[in-house]
Protein backbone atom coordinates (compact mmCIF):
# COMPACT_ATOMS: atom_id res chain seq x y z
CA MET A 1 0.00 0.00 0.00
CA SER A 2 1.36 3.42 -0.88
CA ALA A 3 1.79 6.22 1.63
CA GLY A 4 -1.44 7.95 2.55
CA ALA A 5 -3.70 5.17 1.27
CA ALA A 6 -6.77 4.04 3.14
CA VAL A 7 -6.08 1.49 5.88
CA PRO A 8 -7.69 -1.89 5.11
CA PRO A 9 -9.82 -3.77 7.63
CA ALA A 10 -7.58 -5.48 10.13
CA ALA A 11 -7.39 -9.18 10.59
CA ALA A 12 -8.54 -10.92 13.74
CA GLY A 13 -6.33 -10.13 16.71
CA ASP A 14 -5.11 -6.77 15.29
CA ASP A 15 -5.50 -3.67 17.47
CA HIS A 16 -7.12 -1.88 14.53
CA HIS A 17 -10.40 -3.80 14.43
CA ALA A 18 -13.83 -2.98 13.10
CA ASP A 19 -14.94 -1.01 16.13
CA GLY A 20 -12.46 1.73 15.31
CA PRO A 21 -8.79 2.43 15.72
CA TYR A 22 -9.09 2.84 19.47
CA GLY A 23 -11.06 -0.29 20.24
CA PRO A 24 -14.75 -0.65 21.18
CA GLY A 25 -16.46 2.64 21.80
CA GLY A 26 -13.93 4.78 19.91
CA PRO A 27 -12.06 7.71 21.44
CA GLY A 28 -12.90 8.18 25.08
CA GLY A 29 -14.51 4.77 25.35
CA PRO A 30 -13.05 1.57 26.72
CA GLY A 31 -10.63 1.41 23.78
CA ASP A 32 -9.25 4.93 24.19
CA PRO A 33 -5.49 4.99 24.90
CA ASP A 34 -6.14 7.12 27.97
CA THR A 35 -7.89 4.09 29.54
CA ALA A 36 -4.88 1.89 28.64
CA THR A 37 -7.05 -0.95 27.30
CA VAL A 38 -5.56 -1.02 23.78
CA VAL A 39 -1.87 -1.73 23.42
CA GLY A 40 -0.04 0.08 20.63
CA TRP A 41 -1.96 3.30 20.05
CA ARG A 42 -0.32 6.38 21.55
CA ARG A 43 -1.02 10.06 21.84
CA LEU A 44 1.24 13.02 21.30
CA ASP A 45 2.65 14.68 24.39
CA ARG A 46 -0.07 16.70 26.13
CA ARG A 47 2.35 19.59 26.65
CA THR A 48 1.80 20.50 23.00
CA VAL A 49 -1.07 22.70 24.20
CA LEU A 50 1.31 24.65 26.45
CA VAL A 51 3.90 24.97 23.68
CA ASN A 52 1.37 26.30 21.19
CA ALA A 53 -0.08 28.75 23.72
CA LEU A 54 3.39 30.11 24.54
CA VAL A 55 4.31 30.47 20.87
CA VAL A 56 1.11 32.37 20.10
CA ALA A 57 1.68 34.51 23.21
CA GLY A 58 5.10 35.45 21.88
CA VAL A 59 3.65 36.39 18.49
CA ALA A 60 0.93 38.42 20.18
CA ALA A 61 3.51 40.22 22.32
CA GLY A 62 5.55 41.10 19.25
CA ALA A 63 2.52 42.48 17.45
CA ALA A 64 1.17 44.28 20.53
CA VAL A 65 3.52 47.27 20.41
CA PRO A 66 2.88 48.46 16.82
CA THR A 67 -0.83 47.62 17.16
CA THR A 68 -1.12 49.65 20.37
CA LEU A 69 0.67 52.60 18.79
CA GLY A 70 -1.61 52.41 15.78
CA LEU A 71 -4.82 52.31 17.85
CA SER A 72 -3.77 54.90 20.44
CA GLY A 73 -4.02 57.73 17.95
CA ARG A 74 -7.71 56.96 17.41
CA PHE A 75 -9.01 55.57 20.72
CA GLY A 76 -6.51 56.80 23.29
CA PHE A 77 -3.65 54.96 24.93
CA ALA A 78 -5.60 53.25 27.74
CA THR A 79 -8.36 52.03 25.42
CA ALA A 80 -5.81 50.78 22.91
CA ILE A 81 -4.03 48.76 25.61
CA ALA A 82 -7.33 47.25 26.75
CA TRP A 83 -8.29 46.22 23.22
CA VAL A 84 -4.86 44.75 22.54
CA LEU A 85 -4.86 42.77 25.81
CA ALA A 86 -8.35 41.44 25.18
CA GLY A 87 -7.49 40.45 21.63
CA SER A 88 -4.24 38.77 22.74
CA VAL A 89 -6.02 36.74 25.43
CA LEU A 90 -8.71 35.68 22.96
CA LEU A 91 -6.10 34.70 20.38
CA ILE A 92 -4.12 32.62 22.90
CA VAL A 93 -7.23 30.86 24.23
CA CYS A 94 -8.44 30.00 20.71
CA ALA A 95 -5.02 28.69 19.73
CA ALA A 96 -4.75 26.56 22.87
CA ALA A 97 -8.27 25.20 22.38
CA GLY A 98 -7.55 24.30 18.76
CA ASP A 99 -4.34 22.53 19.69
CA TYR A 100 -6.13 20.68 22.50
CA VAL A 101 -8.62 19.33 19.96
CA ARG A 102 -5.74 18.32 17.68
CA TRP A 103 -4.06 16.52 20.58
CA ARG A 104 -7.26 14.71 21.55
CA ARG A 105 -7.90 13.58 17.99
CA THR A 106 -4.36 12.48 17.05
CA ARG A 107 -3.17 8.89 17.55
CA TYR A 108 -0.22 6.96 16.18
CA ARG A 109 0.84 3.33 16.31
CA ILE A 110 4.05 1.49 15.45
CA GLY A 111 3.04 -1.95 14.27
CA PRO A 112 5.22 -4.85 13.14
CA GLU A 113 4.72 -3.92 9.46
CA ARG A 114 3.17 -0.42 9.33
CA VAL A 115 3.18 2.97 11.02
CA ASP A 116 -0.32 4.45 11.37
CA LEU A 117 -1.35 8.03 12.09
CA HIS A 118 -4.97 9.12 12.61
CA THR A 119 -5.90 12.75 13.13
CA GLY A 120 -8.68 15.26 12.48
CA LEU A 121 -12.08 16.23 13.88
CA PHE A 122 -14.38 17.09 10.99
CA LEU A 123 -12.03 15.80 8.29
CA VAL A 124 -10.50 12.63 9.69
CA LYS A 125 -7.22 11.56 8.07
CA LYS A 126 -5.93 8.01 8.37
CA ARG A 127 -2.46 7.51 6.96
CA SER A 128 -0.19 4.52 6.94
CA LEU A 129 3.42 3.88 5.94
CA ALA A 130 4.98 0.47 5.40
CA ARG A 131 7.95 0.14 7.74
CA GLU A 132 10.10 -1.42 5.02
CA ARG A 133 9.77 1.81 3.00
CA ILE A 134 10.82 4.15 5.81
CA ARG A 135 14.14 5.78 4.95
CA SER A 136 14.51 8.58 7.51
CA VAL A 137 13.49 9.36 11.07
CA ASP A 138 14.63 12.88 11.92
CA LEU A 139 14.27 14.67 15.25
CA THR A 140 14.09 18.45 15.66
CA ALA A 141 13.38 20.60 18.70
CA HIS A 142 13.09 24.39 18.80
CA PRO A 143 14.21 26.21 21.97
CA LEU A 144 10.84 26.00 23.73
CA GLN A 145 10.57 22.28 23.00
CA ARG A 146 14.11 21.74 24.28
CA VAL A 147 13.25 23.44 27.56
CA LEU A 148 10.29 21.09 27.99
CA GLY A 149 12.14 17.99 26.79
CA LEU A 150 10.07 17.55 23.62
CA VAL A 151 10.96 16.77 19.99
CA THR A 152 9.23 16.71 16.62
CA VAL A 153 9.62 13.39 14.80
CA ARG A 154 9.50 13.29 10.99
CA ILE A 155 9.15 9.81 9.50
CA GLY A 156 9.80 9.82 5.75
CA THR A 157 10.00 7.45 2.82
CA GLY A 158 12.08 9.83 0.67
CA GLU A 159 9.57 9.84 -2.19
CA HIS A 160 8.74 12.89 -4.33
CA SER A 161 5.11 12.97 -3.21
CA GLY A 162 5.03 15.91 -0.83
CA GLY A 163 3.43 15.42 2.57
CA ASP A 164 2.00 12.00 1.63
CA SER A 165 5.48 10.48 2.03
CA THR A 166 6.07 11.88 5.52
CA LEU A 167 4.41 11.41 8.90
CA GLU A 168 5.03 14.09 11.51
CA LEU A 169 4.55 13.56 15.24
CA ASP A 170 4.61 17.03 16.79
CA PRO A 171 5.56 16.77 19.58
CA VAL A 172 6.52 13.71 21.62
CA SER A 173 8.88 13.39 24.55
CA GLY A 174 12.59 13.22 23.85
CA ALA A 175 12.79 9.64 25.12
CA GLU A 176 9.88 8.58 22.92
CA GLY A 177 11.49 10.25 19.89
CA GLU A 178 14.74 8.34 20.44
CA ARG A 179 12.80 5.10 20.88
CA LEU A 180 10.94 5.65 17.62
CA ARG A 181 14.16 6.46 15.76
CA ARG A 182 15.94 3.35 17.00
CA GLU A 183 12.97 1.08 16.39
CA LEU A 184 12.11 2.31 12.90
CA LEU A 185 15.69 2.41 11.65
CA ALA A 186 16.72 -0.92 13.18
CA ARG A 187 18.62 -2.90 10.55
CA ALA A 188 20.75 -6.00 10.62
CA ALA A 189 24.42 -5.10 10.85
CA THR A 190 26.18 -5.23 7.49
CA ASP A 191 29.88 -5.16 6.77
CA GLY A 192 31.31 -3.14 3.91
CA PRO A 193 34.66 -3.02 2.16
CA GLY A 194 37.50 -1.02 3.58
CA THR A 195 37.34 0.78 6.90
CA HIS A 196 34.07 0.79 8.75
CA ARG A 197 34.81 2.34 12.10
CA GLU A 198 31.69 2.79 14.23
CA GLY A 199 30.99 5.52 16.73
CA GLU A 200 32.03 9.13 16.27
CA LEU A 201 33.62 9.84 12.88
CA VAL A 202 34.14 13.59 13.31
CA ALA A 203 33.07 16.29 15.76
CA LEU A 204 32.89 20.07 15.68
CA ASP A 205 36.13 22.02 15.62
CA PRO A 206 35.37 25.63 16.69
CA ARG A 207 38.10 26.85 14.31
CA TRP A 208 35.81 26.01 11.37
CA ILE A 209 33.83 29.14 12.18
CA ARG A 210 36.42 31.14 10.25
CA TYR A 211 34.84 29.90 7.02
CA ALA A 212 31.43 31.39 7.82
CA PRO A 213 32.18 35.04 6.82
CA VAL A 214 33.57 34.00 3.40
CA SER A 215 30.41 32.13 2.39
CA PHE A 216 27.71 33.60 0.18
CA VAL A 217 25.48 33.93 3.23
CA ALA A 218 27.40 36.98 4.48
CA PRO A 219 26.63 39.44 1.62
CA ALA A 220 23.07 38.11 1.41
CA LEU A 221 22.52 38.82 5.11
CA GLY A 222 24.09 42.28 4.74
CA GLY A 223 21.71 43.18 1.91
CA ALA A 224 18.77 41.74 3.85
CA ALA A 225 19.68 43.84 6.89
CA ALA A 226 19.77 47.04 4.82
CA GLY A 227 16.42 46.17 3.24
CA ALA A 228 14.91 45.41 6.64
CA VAL A 229 15.98 48.82 7.99
CA MET A 230 14.33 50.59 5.07
CA GLN A 231 11.17 48.49 5.33
CA VAL A 232 10.71 49.02 9.07
CA SER A 233 11.35 52.75 8.73
CA GLU A 234 8.66 52.87 6.04
CA TRP A 235 6.17 51.15 8.37
CA PHE A 236 6.68 53.90 10.93
CA GLY A 237 6.77 56.66 8.32
CA ALA A 238 10.42 57.47 9.03
CA GLN A 239 12.08 56.32 5.83
CA GLY A 240 12.73 59.88 4.68
CA ARG A 241 14.37 60.75 7.99
CA VAL A 242 16.61 57.65 7.78
CA ILE A 243 17.75 58.60 4.27
CA ALA A 244 18.34 62.20 5.38
CA TRP A 245 20.35 61.01 8.40
CA VAL A 246 22.58 58.88 6.18
CA GLY A 247 23.00 61.79 3.77
CA ASP A 248 24.08 64.08 6.62
CA ARG A 249 26.77 61.61 7.70
CA PHE A 250 28.30 61.70 4.19
CA ARG A 251 27.66 65.35 3.35
CA ASP A 252 31.36 66.08 2.76
CA THR A 253 32.11 62.71 1.13
CA SER A 254 32.17 61.94 -2.58
CA LEU A 255 29.56 59.58 -4.02
CA PRO A 256 32.02 56.73 -4.81
CA ALA A 257 33.49 56.90 -1.29
CA MET A 258 29.99 56.85 0.24
CA ILE A 259 29.05 53.78 -1.81
CA VAL A 260 32.24 51.99 -0.75
CA VAL A 261 31.64 52.77 2.95
CA LEU A 262 28.01 51.62 2.81
CA VAL A 263 28.96 48.39 1.01
CA LEU A 264 31.71 47.69 3.55
CA GLY A 265 29.25 48.33 6.37
CA ALA A 266 26.76 45.88 4.84
CA VAL A 267 29.54 43.30 4.45
CA VAL A 268 30.55 43.67 8.11
CA VAL A 269 26.94 43.30 9.25
CA GLY A 270 26.52 40.30 6.97
CA ALA A 271 29.70 38.69 8.32
CA VAL A 272 28.47 39.07 11.90
CA GLY A 273 25.11 37.60 10.90
CA ALA A 274 26.83 34.71 9.11
CA LEU A 275 28.83 33.93 12.26
CA GLY A 276 25.66 33.87 14.33
CA LEU A 277 23.85 31.69 11.79
CA TRP A 278 26.77 29.25 11.64
CA ILE A 279 26.83 28.93 15.44
CA GLU A 280 23.08 28.26 15.54
CA MET A 281 23.22 25.67 12.77
CA TRP A 282 26.41 23.76 13.56
CA TRP A 283 27.08 24.06 17.29
CA GLY A 284 27.35 20.62 18.86
CA TYR A 285 27.90 18.98 15.46
CA ARG A 286 28.78 15.28 15.46
CA LEU A 287 28.84 12.70 12.67
CA GLU A 288 28.45 9.13 13.93
CA ARG A 289 28.12 5.66 12.46
CA GLU A 290 25.66 3.57 14.42
CA PRO A 291 25.49 -0.23 14.53
CA GLY A 292 23.46 -1.55 11.62
CA GLY A 293 24.87 0.91 9.08
CA THR A 294 23.24 4.28 9.84
CA LEU A 295 24.99 7.65 9.66
CA ARG A 296 23.67 10.15 12.18
CA ILE A 297 24.29 13.91 12.13
CA ARG A 298 23.51 15.93 15.26
CA ARG A 299 23.78 19.69 15.34
CA GLY A 300 22.13 22.92 16.45
CA LEU A 301 22.51 25.42 19.29
CA LEU A 302 18.98 26.70 19.85
CA THR A 303 17.09 24.36 17.53
CA SER A 304 18.56 20.87 17.81
CA ARG A 305 18.48 18.54 14.80
CA SER A 306 19.15 14.84 14.44
CA ILE A 307 19.30 13.47 10.88
CA SER A 308 19.77 9.78 10.05
CA ILE A 309 20.96 8.39 6.70
CA GLU A 310 21.03 4.67 5.94
CA GLU A 311 24.34 3.67 4.38
CA ARG A 312 22.64 1.19 2.09
CA ARG A 313 20.87 4.19 0.52
CA LEU A 314 24.13 6.12 0.09
CA ARG A 315 25.22 6.40 -3.55
CA GLY A 316 28.20 8.70 -3.14
CA VAL A 317 29.32 12.09 -1.86
CA ASP A 318 29.54 15.59 -3.28
CA LEU A 319 32.50 17.76 -2.31
CA VAL A 320 31.19 21.33 -2.55
CA GLU A 321 33.60 24.29 -2.65
CA PRO A 322 32.00 27.75 -2.86
CA LEU A 323 34.45 30.33 -4.16
CA GLY A 324 35.25 32.05 -0.86
CA VAL A 325 35.49 28.79 1.05
CA ARG A 326 37.69 27.26 -1.67
CA MET A 327 40.08 30.22 -1.54
CA CYS A 328 40.57 29.40 2.15
CA GLY A 329 41.38 25.76 1.33
CA ALA A 330 38.11 24.31 2.66
CA ALA A 331 35.16 22.31 1.40
CA ARG A 332 31.94 20.76 2.69
CA VAL A 333 30.69 17.21 2.13
CA ASP A 334 27.12 16.45 1.03
CA ALA A 335 25.56 13.01 0.79
CA ILE A 336 24.32 11.66 -2.53
CA THR A 337 21.59 9.41 -1.24
CA THR A 338 18.08 8.20 -1.79
CA GLY A 339 15.49 8.35 0.93
CA LEU A 340 15.93 11.88 2.30
CA ALA A 341 12.76 13.94 2.72
CA LYS A 342 11.85 15.95 -0.37
CA ASP A 343 9.15 18.30 0.90
CA ASP A 344 9.28 22.06 0.52
CA GLU A 345 10.38 22.62 4.11
CA GLU A 346 13.66 20.76 3.64
CA GLN A 347 14.56 21.42 0.03
CA HIS A 348 16.34 24.64 1.00
CA SER A 349 18.04 23.40 4.14
CA ASP A 350 21.37 21.61 4.77
CA HIS A 351 19.47 18.35 5.22
CA ASN A 352 22.00 16.25 3.29
CA THR A 353 25.20 17.92 4.56
CA LEU A 354 27.51 15.46 6.27
CA LEU A 355 30.30 17.93 7.06
CA PRO A 356 30.14 21.76 7.18
CA PRO A 357 32.94 23.75 5.51
CA ALA A 358 36.18 22.32 6.92
CA PRO A 359 39.79 21.96 5.72
CA ARG A 360 39.94 20.13 2.39
CA SER A 361 42.14 17.32 3.73
CA LEU A 362 39.60 16.61 6.47
CA ALA A 363 36.75 16.72 3.95
CA ASP A 364 38.50 14.03 1.86
CA THR A 365 39.08 11.94 4.98
CA VAL A 366 35.44 12.16 6.04
CA ALA A 367 34.29 11.31 2.51
CA ALA A 368 36.47 8.19 2.56
CA GLU A 369 35.14 7.16 6.00
CA VAL A 370 31.55 7.64 4.91
CA LEU A 371 32.07 5.59 1.73
CA ARG A 372 34.06 2.91 3.62
CA GLU A 373 37.05 3.49 1.32
CA THR A 374 40.73 3.80 2.17
CA THR A 375 41.02 6.97 0.05
CA SER A 376 38.30 9.27 -1.15
CA PRO A 377 37.42 9.11 -4.87
CA THR A 378 36.96 12.90 -4.75
CA GLY A 379 40.75 13.20 -4.62
CA ALA A 380 41.37 11.03 -7.69
CA PRO A 381 43.28 12.59 -10.64
CA LEU A 382 40.83 13.79 -13.27
CA VAL A 383 40.95 13.89 -17.06
CA ARG A 384 41.23 17.46 -18.36
CA HIS A 385 38.74 18.68 -20.92
CA PRO A 386 39.72 19.97 -24.38
CA ALA A 387 40.75 23.55 -25.07
CA ALA A 388 37.41 24.15 -26.81
CA ALA A 389 35.76 24.04 -23.37
CA ARG A 390 37.99 26.93 -22.27
CA GLY A 391 37.04 28.94 -25.35
CA ARG A 392 33.34 28.44 -24.64
CA ARG A 393 33.75 29.80 -21.11
CA LEU A 394 35.80 32.78 -22.22
CA ARG A 395 33.17 33.71 -24.81
CA ARG A 396 30.41 33.42 -22.20
CA ALA A 397 32.34 35.76 -19.91
CA LEU A 398 32.79 38.32 -22.69
CA TRP A 399 29.09 38.25 -23.54
CA ALA A 400 28.13 38.50 -19.86
CA VAL A 401 30.13 41.73 -19.62
CA PHE A 402 29.40 43.15 -23.08
CA VAL A 403 25.59 42.97 -22.96
CA PRO A 404 24.99 45.05 -19.76
CA VAL A 405 27.77 47.48 -20.73
CA ALA A 406 26.21 48.02 -24.16
CA VAL A 407 22.75 48.56 -22.66
CA LEU A 408 24.08 51.07 -20.12
CA ALA A 409 26.08 52.89 -22.80
CA LEU A 410 23.03 53.15 -25.06
CA LEU A 411 20.85 54.45 -22.23
CA GLY A 412 23.60 56.86 -21.22
CA ALA A 413 23.81 58.28 -24.74
CA LEU A 414 20.04 58.76 -24.79
CA LEU A 415 19.34 59.82 -21.18
CA THR A 416 22.21 60.90 -18.94
CA PRO A 417 26.03 60.81 -19.00
CA VAL A 418 26.00 59.23 -15.51
CA LEU A 419 25.09 55.89 -17.09
CA LEU A 420 28.10 56.18 -19.39
CA TRP A 421 30.40 56.37 -16.35
CA ILE A 422 28.62 53.37 -14.84
CA ALA A 423 29.08 51.44 -18.10
CA LEU A 424 32.79 52.30 -18.09
CA ALA A 425 33.13 51.11 -14.48
CA CYS A 426 31.33 47.84 -15.31
CA ALA A 427 33.66 47.25 -18.25
CA VAL A 428 36.83 48.03 -16.27
CA LEU A 429 35.85 45.85 -13.32
CA GLY A 430 33.72 43.19 -14.99
CA LEU A 431 36.03 42.21 -17.85
CA PRO A 432 39.04 41.02 -15.81
CA VAL A 433 36.81 39.39 -13.18
CA GLY A 434 34.83 37.57 -15.86
CA LEU A 435 37.94 36.32 -17.64
CA LEU A 436 39.47 35.10 -14.37
CA LEU A 437 36.30 33.22 -13.45
CA ALA A 438 36.12 31.72 -16.95
CA ARG A 439 39.68 30.41 -16.74
CA ASP A 440 39.02 29.07 -13.24
CA ALA A 441 35.86 27.34 -14.45
CA TYR A 442 37.86 25.61 -17.18
CA ARG A 443 40.55 24.48 -14.75
CA GLY A 444 37.79 23.05 -12.57
CA LEU A 445 36.43 20.77 -15.28
CA GLY A 446 37.30 17.08 -15.05
CA HIS A 447 36.04 13.51 -14.98
CA ALA A 448 37.38 10.08 -14.12
CA VAL A 449 36.53 6.56 -13.03
CA SER A 450 37.97 5.76 -9.59
CA GLY A 451 37.31 2.24 -8.36
CA ASP A 452 33.59 1.75 -7.85
CA TYR A 453 32.84 5.44 -8.45
CA LEU A 454 32.66 7.83 -11.36
CA VAL A 455 33.81 11.35 -10.57
CA VAL A 456 32.76 14.60 -12.30
CA ARG A 457 33.82 18.11 -11.37
CA SER A 458 32.62 21.51 -12.59
CA GLY A 459 31.86 25.05 -11.46
CA THR A 460 33.77 28.07 -10.25
CA VAL A 461 31.49 30.17 -8.03
CA ARG A 462 30.26 26.86 -6.62
CA ARG A 463 32.64 24.06 -7.53
CA SER A 464 31.24 20.55 -7.14
CA THR A 465 33.20 17.30 -7.19
CA ALA A 466 30.66 14.48 -7.21
CA ALA A 467 31.71 10.88 -6.63
CA LEU A 468 28.77 8.70 -7.70
CA GLU A 469 28.65 4.95 -7.22
CA ARG A 470 28.73 3.30 -10.63
CA ALA A 471 26.08 0.80 -9.57
CA GLY A 472 23.74 3.71 -8.82
CA VAL A 473 23.72 5.00 -12.43
CA ILE A 474 20.43 4.13 -14.11
CA GLY A 475 20.97 5.90 -17.44
CA TRP A 476 23.00 8.30 -19.54
CA THR A 477 22.01 11.50 -21.32
CA ILE A 478 24.24 12.69 -24.17
CA ARG A 479 23.61 16.34 -25.05
CA GLN A 480 25.19 18.41 -27.80
CA THR A 481 23.86 21.87 -28.62
CA TYR A 482 24.49 23.73 -31.88
CA PHE A 483 27.35 25.71 -30.33
CA GLN A 484 28.83 22.54 -28.82
CA ARG A 485 28.78 20.87 -32.24
CA ARG A 486 30.67 23.81 -33.69
CA ALA A 487 33.22 23.57 -30.86
CA GLY A 488 33.50 19.79 -31.14
CA VAL A 489 32.42 18.95 -27.58
CA LEU A 490 29.41 17.43 -25.83
CA SER A 491 28.03 16.92 -22.31
CA VAL A 492 27.60 13.49 -20.72
CA THR A 493 25.10 13.21 -17.84
CA ALA A 494 24.76 10.25 -15.49
CA THR A 495 21.20 9.92 -14.21
CA THR A 496 20.47 8.35 -10.84
CA ALA A 497 17.70 8.11 -8.27
CA ALA A 498 19.90 9.71 -5.63
CA GLY A 499 20.92 13.27 -4.83
CA SER A 500 20.08 15.84 -7.51
CA GLY A 501 19.28 13.05 -9.97
CA ALA A 502 21.87 14.04 -12.61
CA TYR A 503 25.64 14.56 -12.60
CA THR A 504 27.24 15.99 -15.74
CA ALA A 505 30.68 16.02 -17.32
CA HIS A 506 30.45 19.29 -19.29
CA ASP A 507 32.10 19.97 -22.64
CA VAL A 508 34.14 16.78 -23.07
CA ASP A 509 35.72 15.45 -26.24
CA PRO A 510 33.03 13.28 -27.94
CA SER A 511 35.05 10.06 -28.18
CA GLU A 512 36.54 10.54 -24.74
CA GLY A 513 33.16 11.31 -23.15
CA LEU A 514 31.45 8.31 -24.72
CA ASP A 515 34.31 6.03 -23.68
CA PHE A 516 34.01 7.41 -20.15
CA ALA A 517 30.28 6.64 -20.02
CA ALA A 518 30.67 3.18 -21.56
CA GLY A 519 33.53 2.24 -19.25
CA ALA A 520 31.88 3.58 -16.08
CA VAL A 521 28.80 1.35 -16.44
CA PRO A 522 29.58 -1.48 -18.87
CA GLY A 523 26.66 -2.68 -20.96
CA LEU A 524 24.41 0.35 -20.40
CA LEU A 525 25.50 2.55 -23.33
CA GLU A 526 27.07 0.02 -25.72
CA PRO A 527 23.81 -0.82 -27.58
CA PHE A 528 23.68 2.80 -28.75
CA LEU A 529 27.33 3.14 -29.80
CA GLU A 530 28.84 2.46 -33.18
CA ARG A 531 32.56 1.87 -33.11
CA THR A 532 34.42 3.46 -36.04
CA PRO A 533 37.48 1.50 -37.17
CA PRO A 534 40.69 3.55 -37.26
CA THR A 535 41.66 4.88 -40.68
CA THR A 536 45.04 4.13 -42.20
CA GLY A 537 47.34 6.76 -43.58
């Protein structure tokens, strides 16, 4: 039965019999879990009502100040406070009552073959997952839950079917969450080739924090902080005064110098924010191998996270080197695996990261430990791509600079000379930067077969070295655009059910690329190849 399907009538002796999931009489009757007459069905932790009430109280407190200020101008300060307090109390009571109903109407059961979850009052949902299809049991706890000893348990099958492939128990006690994780991920111990040390593989080194300010998060946070200041000042009608205050500070400063100072200020703010974000995400980090072949990542300062990855679902690793991190000689390690949750909440998180940015030598060591290899395939020597690939990247860089410069120059000739100066600055700065990045992108290209893995590398702003298990390749895609045909190159993509689903060797020599694909997975591509006999002089 697929996830989310209707639960069939249970056989004789099953707890889920015809009188309902809670036994004779339904919820509150003799079969209700509160009366302890039915073994197996459990409720969420009753403190969920308190947690929800406190969260809503915090939201109400945050909204109380601007709401009070807004109402005081019309009704007076005392009346505004009374209305805000009454509304806050009503909001908290309604939220607590709604969560109490959810708690009363939610039951879950861990059976020998299935995991069942029933919830809902007017629209009752009965969902069931086969235990053999469960691929992940992840535990998270925000600060309030940690204070109360609670966790949220996410049980997933790793399918691309949204919420239907995941059951969420929010919340249960910490001990119950650990019990569920151990029980649902219990597997017979399996031995693999090479080293297979169990226990802690790597733990947090506080010195890794030096890589946080050089990530792309820092400038993004700096820009977000500047935008937040302008947005909040607009809410209070003070945006003009903020702009005037900034203008007064730079009254005797030239425009270029003012821009440089403001950009540096945003970078500093972003770097501080990146440090704080790194501490919150990675404090207490540990990577462990548990008996039975499960990798477990624990991390988080305020919000704790525990992520489990079955090694039998692991298809390789991806060594990721963003530009700033790579310049510092560091890299992070991501898992190429099937079975991780694919819902919207986790697509944009570091859910598959095995190691945060750390020294490159350590990243290779961790990759080898994770893959149970003596040396990491990500460090294997790679085949360089033809010079035509370099020419394609240089031409792209020239076009990327020429098009905006030409547009600015045209607008400057038609509208204002200021745009002409901006076009000149873009050309002077953009051309050398673009050419350097193009040459770096070419040097980063490479592919190889290393033992049981095929390795492809590409990228400059975000360089990726993916080591994919050859047995995990389910197909090949050969792509050659019009411009690639003129340059005499093509792209070879290995498709897989794990990770991003596709890993590409870009702009390779045609014969070399096809030989690489045919040799990496023998028998998969040969039916579509036609060998040309060598010509004689």
